[in-house]
Amino acid sequence: MEARPKHFDMVRKLKATGNFIVGGAILNEAGTMCGSSLIVQFETEDDLQEWLKQEPYLLHKVWDRVDVKPFRVADV
C-alpha cells in the first residue's frame, strides 16, 4: 500500500503525456483483486524501459513480474 500513491502519480503522468491507454485490477471469481493490467504506449523501447526503471510497483516489488506484449489499439 505504501507504493500505491506513487504508482497512481506515475500513471497520472503517463496519462497526461498520452502514454497511458487503460489499466486496472484483474479480479478473481470472488471479486477480489488478484493482479493488474496496464496498457501503455511509448514511442521507443528505450522510453518503455525508462518508465519501467521508475515504476513504483516494480521498485517496491508489488509487481513481481511484468509481461510486455505488443498491442495495437483498434481504430473503431
C-alpha atoms as a PDB file:
ATOM      1  CA  MET A   1       0.000   0.000   0.000  1.00  0.00           C
ATOM      2  CA  GLU A   2       2.976   2.297   0.555  1.00  0.00           C
ATOM      3  CA  ALA A   3       3.755   2.348  -3.168  1.00  0.00           C
ATOM      4  CA  ARG A   4       0.156   2.846  -4.326  1.00  0.00           C
ATOM      5  CA  PRO A   5       0.032   6.685  -4.244  1.00  0.00           C
ATOM      6  CA  LYS A   6       3.387   6.867  -6.046  1.00  0.00           C
ATOM      7  CA  HIS A   7       2.178   4.354  -8.644  1.00  0.00           C
ATOM      8  CA  PHE A   8      -1.019   6.343  -9.248  1.00  0.00           C
ATOM      9  CA  ASP A   9       1.017   9.563  -9.565  1.00  0.00           C
ATOM     10  CA  MET A  10       3.199   7.852 -12.163  1.00  0.00           C
ATOM     11  CA  VAL A  11       0.152   6.626 -14.090  1.00  0.00           C
ATOM     12  CA  ARG A  12      -1.370  10.130 -13.990  1.00  0.00           C
ATOM     13  CA  LYS A  13       1.846  11.432 -15.562  1.00  0.00           C
ATOM     14  CA  LEU A  14       1.603   8.745 -18.239  1.00  0.00           C
ATOM     15  CA  LYS A  15      -1.998   9.814 -18.901  1.00  0.00           C
ATOM     16  CA  ALA A  16      -1.010  13.474 -19.145  1.00  0.00           C
ATOM     17  CA  THR A  17       1.670  12.648 -21.732  1.00  0.00           C
ATOM     18  CA  GLY A  18      -0.609  10.339 -23.741  1.00  0.00           C
ATOM     19  CA  ASN A  19       1.304   7.168 -22.810  1.00  0.00           C
ATOM     20  CA  PHE A  20      -1.496   5.617 -20.721  1.00  0.00           C
ATOM     21  CA  ILE A  21      -4.217   3.755 -22.642  1.00  0.00           C
ATOM     22  CA  VAL A  22      -6.094   1.812 -19.939  1.00  0.00           C
ATOM     23  CA  GLY A  23      -5.390  -0.035 -16.730  1.00  0.00           C
ATOM     24  CA  GLY A  24      -6.952  -1.588 -13.689  1.00  0.00           C
ATOM     25  CA  ALA A  25      -7.398  -4.553 -11.404  1.00  0.00           C
ATOM     26  CA  ILE A  26      -7.790  -8.159 -12.515  1.00  0.00           C
ATOM     27  CA  LEU A  27     -10.398  -9.824 -10.309  1.00  0.00           C
ATOM     28  CA  ASN A  28     -10.843 -13.458  -9.334  1.00  0.00           C
ATOM     29  CA  GLU A  29     -14.235 -15.198  -9.211  1.00  0.00           C
ATOM     30  CA  ALA A  30     -14.884 -13.797  -5.725  1.00  0.00           C
ATOM     31  CA  GLY A  31     -14.322 -10.257  -6.992  1.00  0.00           C
ATOM     32  CA  THR A  32     -11.015  -9.890  -5.147  1.00  0.00           C
ATOM     33  CA  MET A  33      -8.048  -8.312  -6.867  1.00  0.00           C
ATOM     34  CA  CYS A  34      -5.555 -10.970  -7.964  1.00  0.00           C
ATOM     35  CA  GLY A  35      -3.447  -8.939 -10.373  1.00  0.00           C
ATOM     36  CA  SER A  36      -3.467  -5.896 -12.574  1.00  0.00           C
ATOM     37  CA  SER A  37      -3.122  -4.887 -16.179  1.00  0.00           C
ATOM     38  CA  LEU A  38      -1.804  -1.719 -17.729  1.00  0.00           C
ATOM     39  CA  ILE A  39      -1.775  -0.875 -21.408  1.00  0.00           C
ATOM     40  CA  VAL A  40       0.701   1.860 -22.217  1.00  0.00           C
ATOM     41  CA  GLN A  41       2.157   3.270 -25.401  1.00  0.00           C
ATOM     42  CA  PHE A  42       5.704   4.511 -25.903  1.00  0.00           C
ATOM     43  CA  GLU A  43       7.495   5.752 -28.986  1.00  0.00           C
ATOM     44  CA  THR A  44      10.576   3.635 -28.399  1.00  0.00           C
ATOM     45  CA  GLU A  45      11.715   0.593 -26.448  1.00  0.00           C
ATOM     46  CA  ASP A  46      14.120   2.891 -24.585  1.00  0.00           C
ATOM     47  CA  ASP A  47      11.177   5.044 -23.430  1.00  0.00           C
ATOM     48  CA  LEU A  48       9.392   1.922 -22.168  1.00  0.00           C
ATOM     49  CA  GLN A  49      12.489   0.723 -20.328  1.00  0.00           C
ATOM     50  CA  GLU A  50      12.978   4.158 -18.742  1.00  0.00           C
ATOM     51  CA  TRP A  51       9.421   4.057 -17.373  1.00  0.00           C
ATOM     52  CA  LEU A  52       9.910   0.510 -16.064  1.00  0.00           C
ATOM     53  CA  LYS A  53      13.052   1.633 -14.183  1.00  0.00           C
ATOM     54  CA  GLN A  54      10.984   4.282 -12.378  1.00  0.00           C
ATOM     55  CA  GLU A  55       7.665   2.452 -11.846  1.00  0.00           C
ATOM     56  CA  PRO A  56       6.978   2.388  -8.068  1.00  0.00           C
ATOM     57  CA  TYR A  57       5.226  -1.005  -8.172  1.00  0.00           C
ATOM     58  CA  LEU A  58       8.410  -2.520  -9.573  1.00  0.00           C
ATOM     59  CA  LEU A  59      10.726  -0.612  -7.247  1.00  0.00           C
ATOM     60  CA  HIS A  60       8.687  -1.685  -4.195  1.00  0.00           C
ATOM     61  CA  LYS A  61       8.213  -5.237  -5.518  1.00  0.00           C
ATOM     62  CA  VAL A  62       4.404  -5.028  -5.690  1.00  0.00           C
ATOM     63  CA  TRP A  63       4.710  -6.454  -9.194  1.00  0.00           C
ATOM     64  CA  ASP A  64       6.979  -9.484  -9.165  1.00  0.00           C
ATOM     65  CA  ARG A  65       6.974  -9.666 -12.939  1.00  0.00           C
ATOM     66  CA  VAL A  66       5.920  -7.646 -15.954  1.00  0.00           C
ATOM     67  CA  ASP A  67       4.930  -9.240 -19.234  1.00  0.00           C
ATOM     68  CA  VAL A  68       5.397  -6.833 -22.131  1.00  0.00           C
ATOM     69  CA  LYS A  69       3.376  -7.702 -25.222  1.00  0.00           C
ATOM     70  CA  PRO A  70       2.911  -5.737 -28.448  1.00  0.00           C
ATOM     71  CA  PHE A  71      -0.589  -4.277 -28.662  1.00  0.00           C
ATOM     72  CA  ARG A  72      -2.414  -2.230 -31.257  1.00  0.00           C
ATOM     73  CA  VAL A  73      -5.496  -0.208 -30.373  1.00  0.00           C
ATOM     74  CA  ALA A  74      -8.328  -0.900 -32.814  1.00  0.00           C
ATOM     75  CA  ASP A  75      -9.312   2.061 -34.973  1.00  0.00           C
ATOM     76  CA  VAL A  76     -13.068   1.970 -34.458  1.00  0.00           C
END
